[in-house]
């Protein structure tokens, strides 16, 4: 298995070199190596955060090796080389983590029924995913929308307790997964909050998505007889911010202070 890891890492490093030298790389080869890497690490009982940490170390090692060659590079050359290397490493890391999570729950499903709440990404990976999406958008002149969704479940908790809250959140997780595209990602942001990252989704697309979600939540609320209310805060890249912190702050402000979130 260690040889497989070395082979995957070797493929990734070769593509990094190609990107630095020629400003192009084989995306399919990178994806295949990243998928293999993520699957191996899941089999070794790694955590997703361990994979992120490994790629940080790999990134540092690349520049340490370049520094140890003794060759003097101009600042402009080093900046261009680093940008091209990061282009590959960001894509590979995102793919490796996604494959890791996918394999994790496939294997969990062999032993126990999968818990829908565990099939979404955690807040621990949320900030990193936004940073990766920003770099991807800059590279290809794309855009994305961040949606933070808050469900008011206080009455349910007071009447039925915390177990009822988790049951409702499981149902809401399933509802969201059915409405989102494959390229969209949903994160458990807080106890009763989700964060959605929706690539290449403009204002009209967000409006359509939220209308569909609100309709299904209204049906669910009527079916179960529970008082479920939803508010949403929205920010878009690059219009509303150029970094992850700004985008999150604007979405939260939209949710909490400007009273433009939606209710159903």
C-alpha atoms as a PDB file:
ATOM      1  CA  UNK A   1       0.000   0.000   0.000  1.00  0.00           C
ATOM      2  CA  UNK A   2       2.901   2.343   0.710  1.00  0.00           C
ATOM      3  CA  UNK A   3       4.116   1.801  -2.861  1.00  0.00           C
ATOM      4  CA  UNK A   4       0.688   2.842  -4.132  1.00  0.00           C
ATOM      5  CA  UNK A   5       0.903   6.044  -2.119  1.00  0.00           C
ATOM      6  CA  UNK A   6       4.360   6.736  -3.551  1.00  0.00           C
ATOM      7  CA  UNK A   7       3.089   6.126  -7.088  1.00  0.00           C
ATOM      8  CA  UNK A   8       0.151   8.501  -6.565  1.00  0.00           C
ATOM      9  CA  UNK A   9       2.432  11.162  -5.077  1.00  0.00           C
ATOM     10  CA  UNK A  10       4.904  10.667  -7.935  1.00  0.00           C
ATOM     11  CA  UNK A  11       2.190  11.271 -10.521  1.00  0.00           C
ATOM     12  CA  UNK A  12       1.060  14.409  -8.701  1.00  0.00           C
ATOM     13  CA  UNK A  13       4.621  15.763  -8.484  1.00  0.00           C
ATOM     14  CA  UNK A  14       5.242  15.105 -12.186  1.00  0.00           C
ATOM     15  CA  UNK A  15       2.130  17.077 -13.049  1.00  0.00           C
ATOM     16  CA  UNK A  16       3.227  19.884 -10.737  1.00  0.00           C
ATOM     17  CA  UNK A  17       6.536  20.013 -12.649  1.00  0.00           C
ATOM     18  CA  UNK A  18       4.667  20.093 -15.965  1.00  0.00           C
ATOM     19  CA  UNK A  19       2.530  22.959 -14.740  1.00  0.00           C
ATOM     20  CA  UNK A  20       5.570  24.934 -13.567  1.00  0.00           C
ATOM     21  CA  UNK A  21       7.505  24.354 -16.786  1.00  0.00           C
ATOM     22  CA  UNK A  22       4.733  24.574 -19.384  1.00  0.00           C
ATOM     23  CA  UNK A  23       1.747  26.131 -17.568  1.00  0.00           C
ATOM     24  CA  UNK A  24      -0.343  23.053 -18.388  1.00  0.00           C
ATOM     25  CA  UNK A  25      -0.965  19.674 -16.797  1.00  0.00           C
ATOM     26  CA  UNK A  26      -2.932  16.477 -17.326  1.00  0.00           C
ATOM     27  CA  UNK A  27      -6.107  16.956 -15.308  1.00  0.00           C
ATOM     28  CA  UNK A  28      -7.276  13.363 -15.805  1.00  0.00           C
ATOM     29  CA  UNK A  29      -3.991  11.965 -14.504  1.00  0.00           C
ATOM     30  CA  UNK A  30      -4.196  14.270 -11.477  1.00  0.00           C
ATOM     31  CA  UNK A  31      -7.775  13.236 -10.716  1.00  0.00           C
ATOM     32  CA  UNK A  32      -6.932   9.538 -10.995  1.00  0.00           C
ATOM     33  CA  UNK A  33      -3.924   9.926  -8.682  1.00  0.00           C
ATOM     34  CA  UNK A  34      -5.940  11.990  -6.197  1.00  0.00           C
ATOM     35  CA  UNK A  35      -8.785   9.451  -6.145  1.00  0.00           C
ATOM     36  CA  UNK A  36      -6.310   6.661  -5.513  1.00  0.00           C
ATOM     37  CA  UNK A  37      -4.613   8.676  -2.784  1.00  0.00           C
ATOM     38  CA  UNK A  38      -7.891   9.472  -1.022  1.00  0.00           C
ATOM     39  CA  UNK A  39      -9.061   5.854  -1.203  1.00  0.00           C
ATOM     40  CA  UNK A  40      -5.788   4.550   0.248  1.00  0.00           C
ATOM     41  CA  UNK A  41      -5.801   7.020   3.127  1.00  0.00           C
ATOM     42  CA  UNK A  42      -9.399   6.128   3.987  1.00  0.00           C
ATOM     43  CA  UNK A  43      -8.358   2.468   4.124  1.00  0.00           C
ATOM     44  CA  UNK A  44      -5.580   3.433   6.530  1.00  0.00           C
ATOM     45  CA  UNK A  45      -8.107   5.112   8.864  1.00  0.00           C
ATOM     46  CA  UNK A  46      -6.818   8.617   8.199  1.00  0.00           C
ATOM     47  CA  UNK A  47      -9.011  11.669   8.746  1.00  0.00           C
ATOM     48  CA  UNK A  48      -9.870  14.232   6.080  1.00  0.00           C
ATOM     49  CA  UNK A  49      -7.900  16.841   8.047  1.00  0.00           C
ATOM     50  CA  UNK A  50      -4.843  14.550   7.837  1.00  0.00           C
ATOM     51  CA  UNK A  51      -5.041  14.625   4.044  1.00  0.00           C
ATOM     52  CA  UNK A  52      -5.218  18.418   4.042  1.00  0.00           C
ATOM     53  CA  UNK A  53      -2.197  18.505   6.370  1.00  0.00           C
ATOM     54  CA  UNK A  54      -0.240  16.114   4.108  1.00  0.00           C
ATOM     55  CA  UNK A  55      -0.763  18.334   1.098  1.00  0.00           C
ATOM     56  CA  UNK A  56       0.405  21.357   3.087  1.00  0.00           C
ATOM     57  CA  UNK A  57       3.615  19.465   3.892  1.00  0.00           C
ATOM     58  CA  UNK A  58       3.976  18.424   0.238  1.00  0.00           C
ATOM     59  CA  UNK A  59       3.601  22.045  -0.828  1.00  0.00           C
ATOM     60  CA  UNK A  60       6.326  23.127   1.614  1.00  0.00           C
ATOM     61  CA  UNK A  61       8.650  20.317   0.506  1.00  0.00           C
ATOM     62  CA  UNK A  62       8.437  21.381  -3.131  1.00  0.00           C
ATOM     63  CA  UNK A  63       9.691  24.871  -2.338  1.00  0.00           C
ATOM     64  CA  UNK A  64      12.332  23.568   0.048  1.00  0.00           C
ATOM     65  CA  UNK A  65      13.713  21.361  -2.730  1.00  0.00           C
ATOM     66  CA  UNK A  66      13.772  24.311  -5.121  1.00  0.00           C
ATOM     67  CA  UNK A  67      15.594  26.441  -2.545  1.00  0.00           C
ATOM     68  CA  UNK A  68      18.182  23.712  -1.953  1.00  0.00           C
ATOM     69  CA  UNK A  69      19.159  23.576  -5.626  1.00  0.00           C
ATOM     70  CA  UNK A  70      21.140  26.781  -5.103  1.00  0.00           C
ATOM     71  CA  UNK A  71      19.792  28.261  -8.325  1.00  0.00           C
ATOM     72  CA  UNK A  72      18.796  31.909  -8.065  1.00  0.00           C
ATOM     73  CA  UNK A  73      15.347  32.677  -9.413  1.00  0.00           C
ATOM     74  CA  UNK A  74      13.832  36.082  -9.965  1.00  0.00           C
ATOM     75  CA  UNK A  75      10.886  36.993  -7.706  1.00  0.00           C
ATOM     76  CA  UNK A  76       8.560  37.042 -10.723  1.00  0.00           C
ATOM     77  CA  UNK A  77       9.652  33.545 -11.758  1.00  0.00           C
ATOM     78  CA  UNK A  78       9.077  32.168  -8.260  1.00  0.00           C
ATOM     79  CA  UNK A  79       5.627  33.775  -7.998  1.00  0.00           C
ATOM     80  CA  UNK A  80       4.566  32.322 -11.349  1.00  0.00           C
ATOM     81  CA  UNK A  81       5.940  28.903 -10.445  1.00  0.00           C
ATOM     82  CA  UNK A  82       4.160  28.885  -7.092  1.00  0.00           C
ATOM     83  CA  UNK A  83       0.862  29.921  -8.662  1.00  0.00           C
ATOM     84  CA  UNK A  84       1.110  27.113 -11.221  1.00  0.00           C
ATOM     85  CA  UNK A  85       2.035  24.537  -8.579  1.00  0.00           C
ATOM     86  CA  UNK A  86      -0.830  25.642  -6.339  1.00  0.00           C
ATOM     87  CA  UNK A  87      -3.190  25.281  -9.285  1.00  0.00           C
ATOM     88  CA  UNK A  88      -2.411  21.552  -9.428  1.00  0.00           C
ATOM     89  CA  UNK A  89      -2.167  20.922  -5.684  1.00  0.00           C
ATOM     90  CA  UNK A  90      -5.485  22.631  -4.905  1.00  0.00           C
ATOM     91  CA  UNK A  91      -7.317  20.559  -7.516  1.00  0.00           C
ATOM     92  CA  UNK A  92      -5.682  17.352  -6.320  1.00  0.00           C
ATOM     93  CA  UNK A  93      -6.323  18.014  -2.630  1.00  0.00           C
ATOM     94  CA  UNK A  94     -10.017  18.768  -3.240  1.00  0.00           C
ATOM     95  CA  UNK A  95     -10.424  15.577  -5.286  1.00  0.00           C
ATOM     96  CA  UNK A  96      -8.542  13.456  -2.735  1.00  0.00           C
ATOM     97  CA  UNK A  97     -10.723  14.688   0.148  1.00  0.00           C
ATOM     98  CA  UNK A  98     -13.926  14.116  -1.842  1.00  0.00           C
ATOM     99  CA  UNK A  99     -12.848  10.545  -2.702  1.00  0.00           C
ATOM    100  CA  UNK A 100     -11.869   9.968   0.930  1.00  0.00           C
ATOM    101  CA  UNK A 101     -15.331  11.020   2.144  1.00  0.00           C
ATOM    102  CA  UNK A 102     -17.064   8.987  -0.562  1.00  0.00           C
ATOM    103  CA  UNK A 103     -15.156   5.805   0.348  1.00  0.00           C
ATOM    104  CA  UNK A 104     -15.647   6.422   4.044  1.00  0.00           C
ATOM    105  CA  UNK A 105     -19.410   6.253   3.766  1.00  0.00           C
ATOM    106  CA  UNK A 106     -19.433   3.425   1.259  1.00  0.00           C
ATOM    107  CA  UNK A 107     -17.491   1.374   3.801  1.00  0.00           C
ATOM    108  CA  UNK A 108     -19.681   2.563   6.671  1.00  0.00           C
ATOM    109  CA  UNK A 109     -22.717   1.438   4.707  1.00  0.00           C
ATOM    110  CA  UNK A 110     -21.379  -2.112   4.562  1.00  0.00           C
ATOM    111  CA  UNK A 111     -21.586  -2.406   8.345  1.00  0.00           C
ATOM    112  CA  UNK A 112     -24.311  -0.013   9.471  1.00  0.00           C
ATOM    113  CA  UNK A 113     -27.090   1.986   7.786  1.00  0.00           C
ATOM    114  CA  UNK A 114     -25.546   5.307   6.703  1.00  0.00           C
ATOM    115  CA  UNK A 115     -26.558   8.324   8.751  1.00  0.00           C
ATOM    116  CA  UNK A 116     -27.632  11.111   6.345  1.00  0.00           C
ATOM    117  CA  UNK A 117     -26.282  13.767   8.700  1.00  0.00           C
ATOM    118  CA  UNK A 118     -22.825  12.236   8.353  1.00  0.00           C
ATOM    119  CA  UNK A 119     -22.961  12.317   4.559  1.00  0.00           C
ATOM    120  CA  UNK A 120     -22.437  16.054   4.348  1.00  0.00           C
ATOM    121  CA  UNK A 121     -19.179  17.884   4.849  1.00  0.00           C
ATOM    122  CA  UNK A 122     -18.344  19.254   8.280  1.00  0.00           C
ATOM    123  CA  UNK A 123     -17.560  22.844   9.194  1.00  0.00           C
ATOM    124  CA  UNK A 124     -13.910  21.848   9.550  1.00  0.00           C
ATOM    125  CA  UNK A 125     -13.625  21.578   5.746  1.00  0.00           C
ATOM    126  CA  UNK A 126     -15.928  24.507   4.979  1.00  0.00           C
ATOM    127  CA  UNK A 127     -13.360  27.328   5.014  1.00  0.00           C
ATOM    128  CA  UNK A 128     -10.839  25.273   3.045  1.00  0.00           C
ATOM    129  CA  UNK A 129     -13.426  24.480   0.372  1.00  0.00           C
ATOM    130  CA  UNK A 130     -14.254  28.163  -0.096  1.00  0.00           C
ATOM    131  CA  UNK A 131     -10.549  28.977  -0.481  1.00  0.00           C
ATOM    132  CA  UNK A 132     -10.189  26.257  -3.112  1.00  0.00           C
ATOM    133  CA  UNK A 133     -13.314  27.461  -4.925  1.00  0.00           C
ATOM    134  CA  UNK A 134     -11.977  31.035  -4.981  1.00  0.00           C
ATOM    135  CA  UNK A 135      -8.737  29.900  -6.604  1.00  0.00           C
ATOM    136  CA  UNK A 136     -10.670  27.775  -9.102  1.00  0.00           C
ATOM    137  CA  UNK A 137     -12.870  30.741 -10.014  1.00  0.00           C
ATOM    138  CA  UNK A 138      -9.864  33.043 -10.443  1.00  0.00           C
ATOM    139  CA  UNK A 139      -8.204  30.488 -12.680  1.00  0.00           C
ATOM    140  CA  UNK A 140     -11.148  29.966 -15.006  1.00  0.00           C
ATOM    141  CA  UNK A 141     -12.945  33.344 -14.600  1.00  0.00           C
ATOM    142  CA  UNK A 142     -15.934  31.675 -12.936  1.00  0.00           C
ATOM    143  CA  UNK A 143     -18.063  32.647  -9.938  1.00  0.00           C
ATOM    144  CA  UNK A 144     -19.942  31.002  -7.091  1.00  0.00           C
ATOM    145  CA  UNK A 145     -22.568  31.774  -4.474  1.00  0.00           C
ATOM    146  CA  UNK A 146     -22.438  31.047  -0.749  1.00  0.00           C
ATOM    147  CA  UNK A 147     -25.752  30.445   1.041  1.00  0.00           C
ATOM    148  CA  UNK A 148     -26.022  30.102   4.810  1.00  0.00           C
ATOM    149  CA  UNK A 149     -29.344  28.593   5.857  1.00  0.00           C
ATOM    150  CA  UNK A 150     -30.709  28.902   9.388  1.00  0.00           C
ATOM    151  CA  UNK A 151     -33.654  26.810  10.557  1.00  0.00           C
ATOM    152  CA  UNK A 152     -35.648  28.082  13.535  1.00  0.00           C
ATOM    153  CA  UNK A 153     -36.442  24.888  15.430  1.00  0.00           C
ATOM    154  CA  UNK A 154     -36.770  26.333  18.926  1.00  0.00           C
ATOM    155  CA  UNK A 155     -40.451  25.430  19.344  1.00  0.00           C
ATOM    156  CA  UNK A 156     -39.742  21.851  18.264  1.00  0.00           C
ATOM    157  CA  UNK A 157     -36.901  21.529  20.777  1.00  0.00           C
ATOM    158  CA  UNK A 158     -39.029  22.952  23.594  1.00  0.00           C
ATOM    159  CA  UNK A 159     -41.905  20.579  22.861  1.00  0.00           C
ATOM    160  CA  UNK A 160     -40.123  17.380  21.783  1.00  0.00           C
ATOM    161  CA  UNK A 161     -36.461  17.694  22.897  1.00  0.00           C
ATOM    162  CA  UNK A 162     -33.075  17.543  21.174  1.00  0.00           C
ATOM    163  CA  UNK A 163     -33.621  14.089  19.645  1.00  0.00           C
ATOM    164  CA  UNK A 164     -36.490  15.510  17.617  1.00  0.00           C
ATOM    165  CA  UNK A 165     -34.179  18.288  16.397  1.00  0.00           C
ATOM    166  CA  UNK A 166     -31.655  15.770  15.060  1.00  0.00           C
ATOM    167  CA  UNK A 167     -34.421  13.774  13.360  1.00  0.00           C
ATOM    168  CA  UNK A 168     -35.698  16.921  11.658  1.00  0.00           C
ATOM    169  CA  UNK A 169     -32.161  17.891  10.604  1.00  0.00           C
ATOM    170  CA  UNK A 170     -31.696  14.458   9.033  1.00  0.00           C
ATOM    171  CA  UNK A 171     -34.879  14.984   7.016  1.00  0.00           C
ATOM    172  CA  UNK A 172     -33.769  18.473   5.990  1.00  0.00           C
ATOM    173  CA  UNK A 173     -30.370  17.117   4.950  1.00  0.00           C
ATOM    174  CA  UNK A 174     -32.044  14.622   2.639  1.00  0.00           C
ATOM    175  CA  UNK A 175     -34.270  17.358   1.253  1.00  0.00           C
ATOM    176  CA  UNK A 176     -31.286  19.588   0.441  1.00  0.00           C
ATOM    177  CA  UNK A 177     -29.308  16.787  -1.170  1.00  0.00           C
ATOM    178  CA  UNK A 178     -32.179  16.081  -3.549  1.00  0.00           C
ATOM    179  CA  UNK A 179     -32.366  19.714  -4.659  1.00  0.00           C
ATOM    180  CA  UNK A 180     -28.642  20.399  -5.120  1.00  0.00           C
ATOM    181  CA  UNK A 181     -26.528  19.613  -8.165  1.00  0.00           C
ATOM    182  CA  UNK A 182     -23.548  17.260  -8.019  1.00  0.00           C
ATOM    183  CA  UNK A 183     -21.120  20.184  -8.127  1.00  0.00           C
ATOM    184  CA  UNK A 184     -22.820  21.905  -5.158  1.00  0.00           C
ATOM    185  CA  UNK A 185     -21.553  21.171  -1.661  1.00  0.00           C
ATOM    186  CA  UNK A 186     -23.452  21.330   1.618  1.00  0.00           C
ATOM    187  CA  UNK A 187     -21.806  21.705   5.041  1.00  0.00           C
ATOM    188  CA  UNK A 188     -23.211  21.411   8.566  1.00  0.00           C
ATOM    189  CA  UNK A 189     -22.374  24.943   9.710  1.00  0.00           C
ATOM    190  CA  UNK A 190     -23.997  24.904  13.154  1.00  0.00           C
ATOM    191  CA  UNK A 191     -26.622  23.003  15.158  1.00  0.00           C
ATOM    192  CA  UNK A 192     -29.477  24.211  12.955  1.00  0.00           C
ATOM    193  CA  UNK A 193     -27.534  25.762  10.086  1.00  0.00           C
ATOM    194  CA  UNK A 194     -26.179  24.619   6.746  1.00  0.00           C
ATOM    195  CA  UNK A 195     -23.722  26.339   4.397  1.00  0.00           C
ATOM    196  CA  UNK A 196     -24.089  25.748   0.663  1.00  0.00           C
ATOM    197  CA  UNK A 197     -21.347  26.433  -1.896  1.00  0.00           C
ATOM    198  CA  UNK A 198     -22.888  26.653  -5.370  1.00  0.00           C
ATOM    199  CA  UNK A 199     -20.405  27.111  -8.265  1.00  0.00           C
ATOM    200  CA  UNK A 200     -21.472  29.131 -11.315  1.00  0.00           C
ATOM    201  CA  UNK A 201     -24.780  30.109  -9.738  1.00  0.00           C
ATOM    202  CA  UNK A 202     -25.978  33.663 -10.338  1.00  0.00           C
ATOM    203  CA  UNK A 203     -28.727  35.662  -8.609  1.00  0.00           C
ATOM    204  CA  UNK A 204     -31.484  34.153 -10.725  1.00  0.00           C
ATOM    205  CA  UNK A 205     -30.150  30.641 -10.136  1.00  0.00           C
ATOM    206  CA  UNK A 206     -30.070  31.212  -6.367  1.00  0.00           C
ATOM    207  CA  UNK A 207     -33.616  32.549  -6.426  1.00  0.00           C
ATOM    208  CA  UNK A 208     -34.835  29.477  -8.317  1.00  0.00           C
ATOM    209  CA  UNK A 209     -32.966  27.098  -5.996  1.00  0.00           C
ATOM    210  CA  UNK A 210     -34.350  28.731  -2.843  1.00  0.00           C
ATOM    211  CA  UNK A 211     -37.888  28.717  -4.214  1.00  0.00           C
ATOM    212  CA  UNK A 212     -37.631  24.970  -4.828  1.00  0.00           C
ATOM    213  CA  UNK A 213     -36.185  24.358  -1.360  1.00  0.00           C
ATOM    214  CA  UNK A 214     -38.798  26.551   0.312  1.00  0.00           C
ATOM    215  CA  UNK A 215     -41.605  24.738  -1.492  1.00  0.00           C
ATOM    216  CA  UNK A 216     -40.357  21.350  -0.277  1.00  0.00           C
ATOM    217  CA  UNK A 217     -39.862  22.632   3.283  1.00  0.00           C
ATOM    218  CA  UNK A 218     -43.405  24.005   3.295  1.00  0.00           C
ATOM    219  CA  UNK A 219     -44.692  20.597   2.191  1.00  0.00           C
ATOM    220  CA  UNK A 220     -42.593  18.868   4.855  1.00  0.00           C
ATOM    221  CA  UNK A 221     -43.829  21.290   7.526  1.00  0.00           C
ATOM    222  CA  UNK A 222     -47.458  20.697   6.554  1.00  0.00           C
ATOM    223  CA  UNK A 223     -46.938  16.938   6.435  1.00  0.00           C
ATOM    224  CA  UNK A 224     -45.331  16.626   9.884  1.00  0.00           C
ATOM    225  CA  UNK A 225     -47.233  19.487  11.528  1.00  0.00           C
ATOM    226  CA  UNK A 226     -44.059  21.117  12.876  1.00  0.00           C
ATOM    227  CA  UNK A 227     -43.308  24.837  12.897  1.00  0.00           C
ATOM    228  CA  UNK A 228     -40.140  24.990  10.755  1.00  0.00           C
ATOM    229  CA  UNK A 229     -38.920  28.377   9.557  1.00  0.00           C
ATOM    230  CA  UNK A 230     -35.999  29.073   7.241  1.00  0.00           C
ATOM    231  CA  UNK A 231     -33.895  32.199   6.805  1.00  0.00           C
ATOM    232  CA  UNK A 232     -31.074  32.504   4.287  1.00  0.00           C
ATOM    233  CA  UNK A 233     -28.045  34.751   3.988  1.00  0.00           C
ATOM    234  CA  UNK A 234     -26.318  35.052   0.625  1.00  0.00           C
ATOM    235  CA  UNK A 235     -22.996  36.315  -0.713  1.00  0.00           C
ATOM    236  CA  UNK A 236     -21.430  35.945  -4.150  1.00  0.00           C
ATOM    237  CA  UNK A 237     -17.859  35.748  -5.381  1.00  0.00           C
ATOM    238  CA  UNK A 238     -16.348  38.009  -6.622  1.00  0.00           C
ATOM    239  CA  UNK A 239     -19.060  40.683  -6.326  1.00  0.00           C
ATOM    240  CA  UNK A 240     -19.403  40.610  -2.520  1.00  0.00           C
ATOM    241  CA  UNK A 241     -15.884  39.667  -1.438  1.00  0.00           C
ATOM    242  CA  UNK A 242     -12.512  38.415  -2.611  1.00  0.00           C
ATOM    243  CA  UNK A 243     -11.685  36.115   0.312  1.00  0.00           C
ATOM    244  CA  UNK A 244     -13.398  33.435   2.403  1.00  0.00           C
ATOM    245  CA  UNK A 245     -13.716  35.547   5.555  1.00  0.00           C
ATOM    246  CA  UNK A 246     -15.444  38.421   3.752  1.00  0.00           C
ATOM    247  CA  UNK A 247     -17.880  36.124   1.977  1.00  0.00           C
ATOM    248  CA  UNK A 248     -18.856  34.347   5.209  1.00  0.00           C
ATOM    249  CA  UNK A 249     -19.252  37.637   7.094  1.00  0.00           C
ATOM    250  CA  UNK A 250     -21.447  39.127   4.382  1.00  0.00           C
ATOM    251  CA  UNK A 251     -23.641  36.021   4.204  1.00  0.00           C
ATOM    252  CA  UNK A 252     -24.059  36.032   8.001  1.00  0.00           C
ATOM    253  CA  UNK A 253     -24.819  39.762   7.988  1.00  0.00           C
ATOM    254  CA  UNK A 254     -27.378  39.161   5.267  1.00  0.00           C
ATOM    255  CA  UNK A 255     -28.898  36.442   7.430  1.00  0.00           C
ATOM    256  CA  UNK A 256     -28.899  38.169  10.802  1.00  0.00           C
ATOM    257  CA  UNK A 257     -28.868  41.939  10.395  1.00  0.00           C
ATOM    258  CA  UNK A 258     -30.301  43.054   7.075  1.00  0.00           C
ATOM    259  CA  UNK A 259     -33.506  41.018   7.428  1.00  0.00           C
ATOM    260  CA  UNK A 260     -33.478  39.973   3.781  1.00  0.00           C
ATOM    261  CA  UNK A 261     -33.378  36.256   4.499  1.00  0.00           C
ATOM    262  CA  UNK A 262     -36.308  34.235   3.296  1.00  0.00           C
ATOM    263  CA  UNK A 263     -38.932  32.628   5.476  1.00  0.00           C
ATOM    264  CA  UNK A 264     -41.363  29.874   4.647  1.00  0.00           C
END
